[in-house]
Amino acid sequence: MKVSIKKFDVDMEVKNKGIEMEIRKPNGDFMGDVVLTKTKLIWCKGQTGRQNGESVTWEKFIEWMETR
């Protein structure tokens, strides 16, 4: 995967607007964006905007990762 930061509106800690990263397949096909905020992660498949993306709290994400 190719992961690149699209917008870097951060000082030292993630603020409310968060960090937006663009996700592409190795061949360059665009998959979507991941938005990291101080309260959650948001997956925006394709051209989905962050307001319509699928979100998960950090607590739920960590729980999911630790049960694998």
PDB file of N, CA and C in Angstrom:
ATOM      1  N   MET A   1       0.832  -1.184   0.000  1.00  0.00           N
ATOM      2  CA  MET A   1       0.000   0.000   0.000  1.00  0.00           C
ATOM      3  C   MET A   1       0.872   1.241   0.000  1.00  0.00           C
ATOM      4  N   LYS A   2       0.375   2.273  -0.597  1.00  0.00           N
ATOM      5  CA  LYS A   2       1.034   3.577  -0.527  1.00  0.00           C
ATOM      6  C   LYS A   2       0.183   4.435   0.389  1.00  0.00           C
ATOM      7  N   VAL A   3       0.773   4.921   1.457  1.00  0.00           N
ATOM      8  CA  VAL A   3       0.071   5.768   2.416  1.00  0.00           C
ATOM      9  C   VAL A   3       0.779   7.108   2.449  1.00  0.00           C
ATOM     10  N   SER A   4       0.032   8.169   2.186  1.00  0.00           N
ATOM     11  CA  SER A   4       0.633   9.500   2.222  1.00  0.00           C
ATOM     12  C   SER A   4      -0.267  10.455   2.985  1.00  0.00           C
ATOM     13  N   ILE A   5       0.351  11.386   3.679  1.00  0.00           N
ATOM     14  CA  ILE A   5      -0.405  12.391   4.432  1.00  0.00           C
ATOM     15  C   ILE A   5      -0.852  13.470   3.446  1.00  0.00           C
ATOM     16  N   LYS A   6      -2.159  13.705   3.387  1.00  0.00           N
ATOM     17  CA  LYS A   6      -2.707  14.690   2.465  1.00  0.00           C
ATOM     18  C   LYS A   6      -2.678  16.091   3.047  1.00  0.00           C
ATOM     19  N   LYS A   7      -2.926  16.175   4.335  1.00  0.00           N
ATOM     20  CA  LYS A   7      -3.039  17.463   4.989  1.00  0.00           C
ATOM     21  C   LYS A   7      -2.440  17.311   6.379  1.00  0.00           C
ATOM     22  N   PHE A   8      -1.546  18.200   6.763  1.00  0.00           N
ATOM     23  CA  PHE A   8      -0.859  18.061   8.042  1.00  0.00           C
ATOM     24  C   PHE A   8      -1.144  19.270   8.915  1.00  0.00           C
ATOM     25  N   ASP A   9      -2.335  19.296   9.559  1.00  0.00           N
ATOM     26  CA  ASP A   9      -2.760  20.398  10.420  1.00  0.00           C
ATOM     27  C   ASP A   9      -2.495  20.063  11.884  1.00  0.00           C
ATOM     28  N   VAL A  10      -1.256  19.741  12.192  1.00  0.00           N
ATOM     29  CA  VAL A  10      -0.953  19.254  13.529  1.00  0.00           C
ATOM     30  C   VAL A  10       0.246  20.015  14.095  1.00  0.00           C
ATOM     31  N   ASP A  11       0.173  20.288  15.374  1.00  0.00           N
ATOM     32  CA  ASP A  11       1.350  20.807  16.056  1.00  0.00           C
ATOM     33  C   ASP A  11       2.110  19.583  16.536  1.00  0.00           C
ATOM     34  N   MET A  12       2.030  19.271  17.830  1.00  0.00           N
ATOM     35  CA  MET A  12       2.662  18.065  18.335  1.00  0.00           C
ATOM     36  C   MET A  12       1.631  16.993  18.655  1.00  0.00           C
ATOM     37  N   GLU A  13       0.432  17.403  18.995  1.00  0.00           N
ATOM     38  CA  GLU A  13      -0.619  16.425  19.256  1.00  0.00           C
ATOM     39  C   GLU A  13      -1.720  16.621  18.230  1.00  0.00           C
ATOM     40  N   VAL A  14      -2.471  15.560  17.976  1.00  0.00           N
ATOM     41  CA  VAL A  14      -3.551  15.636  16.997  1.00  0.00           C
ATOM     42  C   VAL A  14      -4.675  16.502  17.558  1.00  0.00           C
ATOM     43  N   LYS A  15      -5.114  17.440  16.774  1.00  0.00           N
ATOM     44  CA  LYS A  15      -6.194  18.348  17.162  1.00  0.00           C
ATOM     45  C   LYS A  15      -7.529  17.816  16.645  1.00  0.00           C
ATOM     46  N   ASN A  16      -8.597  18.578  16.833  1.00  0.00           N
ATOM     47  CA  ASN A  16      -9.938  18.152  16.424  1.00  0.00           C
ATOM     48  C   ASN A  16     -10.051  17.858  14.929  1.00  0.00           C
ATOM     49  N   LYS A  17      -9.407  18.655  14.089  1.00  0.00           N
ATOM     50  CA  LYS A  17      -9.482  18.436  12.642  1.00  0.00           C
ATOM     51  C   LYS A  17      -8.785  17.148  12.235  1.00  0.00           C
ATOM     52  N   GLY A  18      -7.758  16.771  12.955  1.00  0.00           N
ATOM     53  CA  GLY A  18      -7.075  15.519  12.703  1.00  0.00           C
ATOM     54  C   GLY A  18      -6.070  15.554  11.572  1.00  0.00           C
ATOM     55  N   ILE A  19      -5.620  14.359  11.223  1.00  0.00           N
ATOM     56  CA  ILE A  19      -4.659  14.148  10.141  1.00  0.00           C
ATOM     57  C   ILE A  19      -5.351  13.286   9.101  1.00  0.00           C
ATOM     58  N   GLU A  20      -5.278  13.687   7.849  1.00  0.00           N
ATOM     59  CA  GLU A  20      -5.906  12.939   6.760  1.00  0.00           C
ATOM     60  C   GLU A  20      -4.824  12.280   5.915  1.00  0.00           C
ATOM     61  N   MET A  21      -4.948  10.970   5.705  1.00  0.00           N
ATOM     62  CA  MET A  21      -3.984  10.231   4.904  1.00  0.00           C
ATOM     63  C   MET A  21      -4.681   9.598   3.709  1.00  0.00           C
ATOM     64  N   GLU A  22      -4.023   9.646   2.576  1.00  0.00           N
ATOM     65  CA  GLU A  22      -4.546   9.058   1.341  1.00  0.00           C
ATOM     66  C   GLU A  22      -3.983   7.650   1.201  1.00  0.00           C
ATOM     67  N   ILE A  23      -4.849   6.683   0.869  1.00  0.00           N
ATOM     68  CA  ILE A  23      -4.441   5.290   0.737  1.00  0.00           C
ATOM     69  C   ILE A  23      -4.600   4.856  -0.717  1.00  0.00           C
ATOM     70  N   ARG A  24      -3.518   4.326  -1.283  1.00  0.00           N
ATOM     71  CA  ARG A  24      -3.525   3.830  -2.665  1.00  0.00           C
ATOM     72  C   ARG A  24      -2.939   2.426  -2.710  1.00  0.00           C
ATOM     73  N   LYS A  25      -3.408   1.636  -3.660  1.00  0.00           N
ATOM     74  CA  LYS A  25      -2.839   0.311  -3.906  1.00  0.00           C
ATOM     75  C   LYS A  25      -1.443   0.509  -4.486  1.00  0.00           C
ATOM     76  N   PRO A  26      -0.591  -0.534  -4.440  1.00  0.00           N
ATOM     77  CA  PRO A  26       0.753  -0.395  -5.017  1.00  0.00           C
ATOM     78  C   PRO A  26       0.755   0.047  -6.486  1.00  0.00           C
ATOM     79  N   ASN A  27      -0.299  -0.291  -7.235  1.00  0.00           N
ATOM     80  CA  ASN A  27      -0.364   0.120  -8.643  1.00  0.00           C
ATOM     81  C   ASN A  27      -0.839   1.566  -8.810  1.00  0.00           C
ATOM     82  N   GLY A  28      -1.138   2.242  -7.705  1.00  0.00           N
ATOM     83  CA  GLY A  28      -1.537   3.644  -7.749  1.00  0.00           C
ATOM     84  C   GLY A  28      -3.032   3.890  -7.674  1.00  0.00           C
ATOM     85  N   ASP A  29      -3.861   2.830  -7.749  1.00  0.00           N
ATOM     86  CA  ASP A  29      -5.315   3.007  -7.664  1.00  0.00           C
ATOM     87  C   ASP A  29      -5.702   3.565  -6.299  1.00  0.00           C
ATOM     88  N   PHE A  30      -6.521   4.601  -6.316  1.00  0.00           N
ATOM     89  CA  PHE A  30      -6.979   5.252  -5.087  1.00  0.00           C
ATOM     90  C   PHE A  30      -8.011   4.377  -4.386  1.00  0.00           C
ATOM     91  N   MET A  31      -7.813   4.140  -3.080  1.00  0.00           N
ATOM     92  CA  MET A  31      -8.748   3.339  -2.298  1.00  0.00           C
ATOM     93  C   MET A  31      -9.634   4.204  -1.406  1.00  0.00           C
ATOM     94  N   GLY A  32      -9.056   5.225  -0.801  1.00  0.00           N
ATOM     95  CA  GLY A  32      -9.815   6.086   0.092  1.00  0.00           C
ATOM     96  C   GLY A  32      -8.885   6.864   1.006  1.00  0.00           C
ATOM     97  N   ASP A  33      -9.482   7.461   2.031  1.00  0.00           N
ATOM     98  CA  ASP A  33      -8.737   8.258   3.005  1.00  0.00           C
ATOM     99  C   ASP A  33      -8.977   7.726   4.405  1.00  0.00           C
ATOM    100  N   VAL A  34      -7.979   7.887   5.254  1.00  0.00           N
ATOM    101  CA  VAL A  34      -8.120   7.611   6.681  1.00  0.00           C
ATOM    102  C   VAL A  34      -7.909   8.934   7.398  1.00  0.00           C
ATOM    103  N   VAL A  35      -8.829   9.262   8.297  1.00  0.00           N
ATOM    104  CA  VAL A  35      -8.706  10.482   9.086  1.00  0.00           C
ATOM    105  C   VAL A  35      -8.494  10.066  10.537  1.00  0.00           C
ATOM    106  N   LEU A  36      -7.428  10.553  11.147  1.00  0.00           N
ATOM    107  CA  LEU A  36      -7.125  10.279  12.550  1.00  0.00           C
ATOM    108  C   LEU A  36      -7.405  11.540  13.344  1.00  0.00           C
ATOM    109  N   THR A  37      -8.331  11.451  14.283  1.00  0.00           N
ATOM    110  CA  THR A  37      -8.606  12.587  15.157  1.00  0.00           C
ATOM    111  C   THR A  37      -8.229  12.196  16.577  1.00  0.00           C
ATOM    112  N   LYS A  38      -8.373  13.113  17.511  1.00  0.00           N
ATOM    113  CA  LYS A  38      -8.000  12.760  18.884  1.00  0.00           C
ATOM    114  C   LYS A  38      -9.013  11.831  19.531  1.00  0.00           C
ATOM    115  N   THR A  39     -10.198  11.637  18.921  1.00  0.00           N
ATOM    116  CA  THR A  39     -11.212  10.763  19.514  1.00  0.00           C
ATOM    117  C   THR A  39     -11.530   9.521  18.695  1.00  0.00           C
ATOM    118  N   LYS A  40     -11.180   9.517  17.385  1.00  0.00           N
ATOM    119  CA  LYS A  40     -11.575   8.378  16.557  1.00  0.00           C
ATOM    120  C   LYS A  40     -10.765   8.294  15.275  1.00  0.00           C
ATOM    121  N   LEU A  41     -10.956   7.183  14.569  1.00  0.00           N
ATOM    122  CA  LEU A  41     -10.423   6.974  13.231  1.00  0.00           C
ATOM    123  C   LEU A  41     -11.618   6.920  12.292  1.00  0.00           C
ATOM    124  N   ILE A  42     -11.476   7.485  11.099  1.00  0.00           N
ATOM    125  CA  ILE A  42     -12.563   7.499  10.121  1.00  0.00           C
ATOM    126  C   ILE A  42     -12.034   6.952   8.803  1.00  0.00           C
ATOM    127  N   TRP A  43     -12.701   5.921   8.246  1.00  0.00           N
ATOM    128  CA  TRP A  43     -12.364   5.385   6.938  1.00  0.00           C
ATOM    129  C   TRP A  43     -13.345   5.970   5.929  1.00  0.00           C
ATOM    130  N   CYS A  44     -12.798   6.621   4.896  1.00  0.00           N
ATOM    131  CA  CYS A  44     -13.597   7.236   3.848  1.00  0.00           C
ATOM    132  C   CYS A  44     -13.284   6.524   2.538  1.00  0.00           C
ATOM    133  N   LYS A  45     -14.060   5.478   2.238  1.00  0.00           N
ATOM    134  CA  LYS A  45     -13.833   4.672   1.037  1.00  0.00           C
ATOM    135  C   LYS A  45     -14.090   5.497  -0.211  1.00  0.00           C
ATOM    136  N   GLY A  46     -13.182   5.403  -1.171  1.00  0.00           N
ATOM    137  CA  GLY A  46     -13.344   6.133  -2.430  1.00  0.00           C
ATOM    138  C   GLY A  46     -13.425   7.624  -2.194  1.00  0.00           C
ATOM    139  N   GLN A  47     -14.443   8.244  -2.753  1.00  0.00           N
ATOM    140  CA  GLN A  47     -14.605   9.698  -2.638  1.00  0.00           C
ATOM    141  C   GLN A  47     -15.523  10.106  -1.487  1.00  0.00           C
ATOM    142  N   THR A  48     -15.772   9.198  -0.548  1.00  0.00           N
ATOM    143  CA  THR A  48     -16.634   9.489   0.599  1.00  0.00           C
ATOM    144  C   THR A  48     -16.014  10.595   1.453  1.00  0.00           C
ATOM    145  N   GLY A  49     -16.804  11.578   1.837  1.00  0.00           N
ATOM    146  CA  GLY A  49     -16.333  12.642   2.718  1.00  0.00           C
ATOM    147  C   GLY A  49     -16.275  12.163   4.158  1.00  0.00           C
ATOM    148  N   ARG A  50     -15.496  12.832   4.974  1.00  0.00           N
ATOM    149  CA  ARG A  50     -15.330  12.391   6.365  1.00  0.00           C
ATOM    150  C   ARG A  50     -16.642  12.363   7.131  1.00  0.00           C
ATOM    151  N   GLN A  51     -17.595  13.229   6.802  1.00  0.00           N
ATOM    152  CA  GLN A  51     -18.879  13.247   7.496  1.00  0.00           C
ATOM    153  C   GLN A  51     -19.697  11.993   7.195  1.00  0.00           C
ATOM    154  N   ASN A  52     -19.410  11.295   6.097  1.00  0.00           N
ATOM    155  CA  ASN A  52     -20.134  10.077   5.726  1.00  0.00           C
ATOM    156  C   ASN A  52     -19.279   8.818   5.861  1.00  0.00           C
ATOM    157  N   GLY A  53     -18.070   8.967   6.378  1.00  0.00           N
ATOM    158  CA  GLY A  53     -17.175   7.824   6.522  1.00  0.00           C
ATOM    159  C   GLY A  53     -17.571   6.926   7.690  1.00  0.00           C
ATOM    160  N   GLU A  54     -16.955   5.750   7.720  1.00  0.00           N
ATOM    161  CA  GLU A  54     -17.154   4.800   8.813  1.00  0.00           C
ATOM    162  C   GLU A  54     -16.162   5.144   9.914  1.00  0.00           C
ATOM    163  N   SER A  55     -16.661   5.350  11.132  1.00  0.00           N
ATOM    164  CA  SER A  55     -15.757   5.751  12.209  1.00  0.00           C
ATOM    165  C   SER A  55     -15.755   4.728  13.333  1.00  0.00           C
ATOM    166  N   VAL A  56     -14.648   4.736  14.067  1.00  0.00           N
ATOM    167  CA  VAL A  56     -14.478   3.876  15.231  1.00  0.00           C
ATOM    168  C   VAL A  56     -13.680   4.662  16.270  1.00  0.00           C
ATOM    169  N   THR A  57     -14.071   4.534  17.524  1.00  0.00           N
ATOM    170  CA  THR A  57     -13.329   5.231  18.579  1.00  0.00           C
ATOM    171  C   THR A  57     -11.967   4.567  18.758  1.00  0.00           C
ATOM    172  N   TRP A  58     -11.044   5.277  19.343  1.00  0.00           N
ATOM    173  CA  TRP A  58      -9.730   4.708  19.628  1.00  0.00           C
ATOM    174  C   TRP A  58      -9.867   3.487  20.534  1.00  0.00           C
ATOM    175  N   GLU A  59     -10.759   3.565  21.510  1.00  0.00           N
ATOM    176  CA  GLU A  59     -10.945   2.445  22.432  1.00  0.00           C
ATOM    177  C   GLU A  59     -11.383   1.191  21.691  1.00  0.00           C
ATOM    178  N   LYS A  60     -12.374   1.323  20.802  1.00  0.00           N
ATOM    179  CA  LYS A  60     -12.857   0.178  20.026  1.00  0.00           C
ATOM    180  C   LYS A  60     -11.787  -0.339  19.072  1.00  0.00           C
ATOM    181  N   PHE A  61     -11.034   0.577  18.453  1.00  0.00           N
ATOM    182  CA  PHE A  61      -9.968   0.178  17.541  1.00  0.00           C
ATOM    183  C   PHE A  61      -8.906  -0.626  18.282  1.00  0.00           C
ATOM    184  N   ILE A  62      -8.475  -0.139  19.442  1.00  0.00           N
ATOM    185  CA  ILE A  62      -7.461  -0.831  20.232  1.00  0.00           C
ATOM    186  C   ILE A  62      -7.976  -2.194  20.683  1.00  0.00           C
ATOM    187  N   GLU A  63      -9.231  -2.242  21.125  1.00  0.00           N
ATOM    188  CA  GLU A  63      -9.843  -3.512  21.521  1.00  0.00           C
ATOM    189  C   GLU A  63      -9.827  -4.505  20.361  1.00  0.00           C
ATOM    190  N   TRP A  64     -10.207  -4.054  19.184  1.00  0.00           N
ATOM    191  CA  TRP A  64     -10.222  -4.893  17.993  1.00  0.00           C
ATOM    192  C   TRP A  64      -8.817  -5.404  17.675  1.00  0.00           C
ATOM    193  N   MET A  65      -7.823  -4.523  17.713  1.00  0.00           N
ATOM    194  CA  MET A  65      -6.443  -4.904  17.391  1.00  0.00           C
ATOM    195  C   MET A  65      -5.875  -5.884  18.410  1.00  0.00           C
ATOM    196  N   GLU A  66      -6.200  -5.712  19.667  1.00  0.00           N
ATOM    197  CA  GLU A  66      -5.642  -6.568  20.723  1.00  0.00           C
ATOM    198  C   GLU A  66      -6.307  -7.928  20.790  1.00  0.00           C
ATOM    199  N   THR A  67      -7.462  -8.110  20.158  1.00  0.00           N
ATOM    200  CA  THR A  67      -8.120  -9.409  20.162  1.00  0.00           C
ATOM    201  C   THR A  67      -7.733 -10.260  18.966  1.00  0.00           C
ATOM    202  N   ARG A  68      -6.893  -9.787  18.130  1.00  0.00           N
ATOM    203  CA  ARG A  68      -6.466 -10.518  16.927  1.00  0.00           C
ATOM    204  C   ARG A  68      -5.380 -11.495  17.242  1.00  0.00           C
TER     205      ARG A  68
END
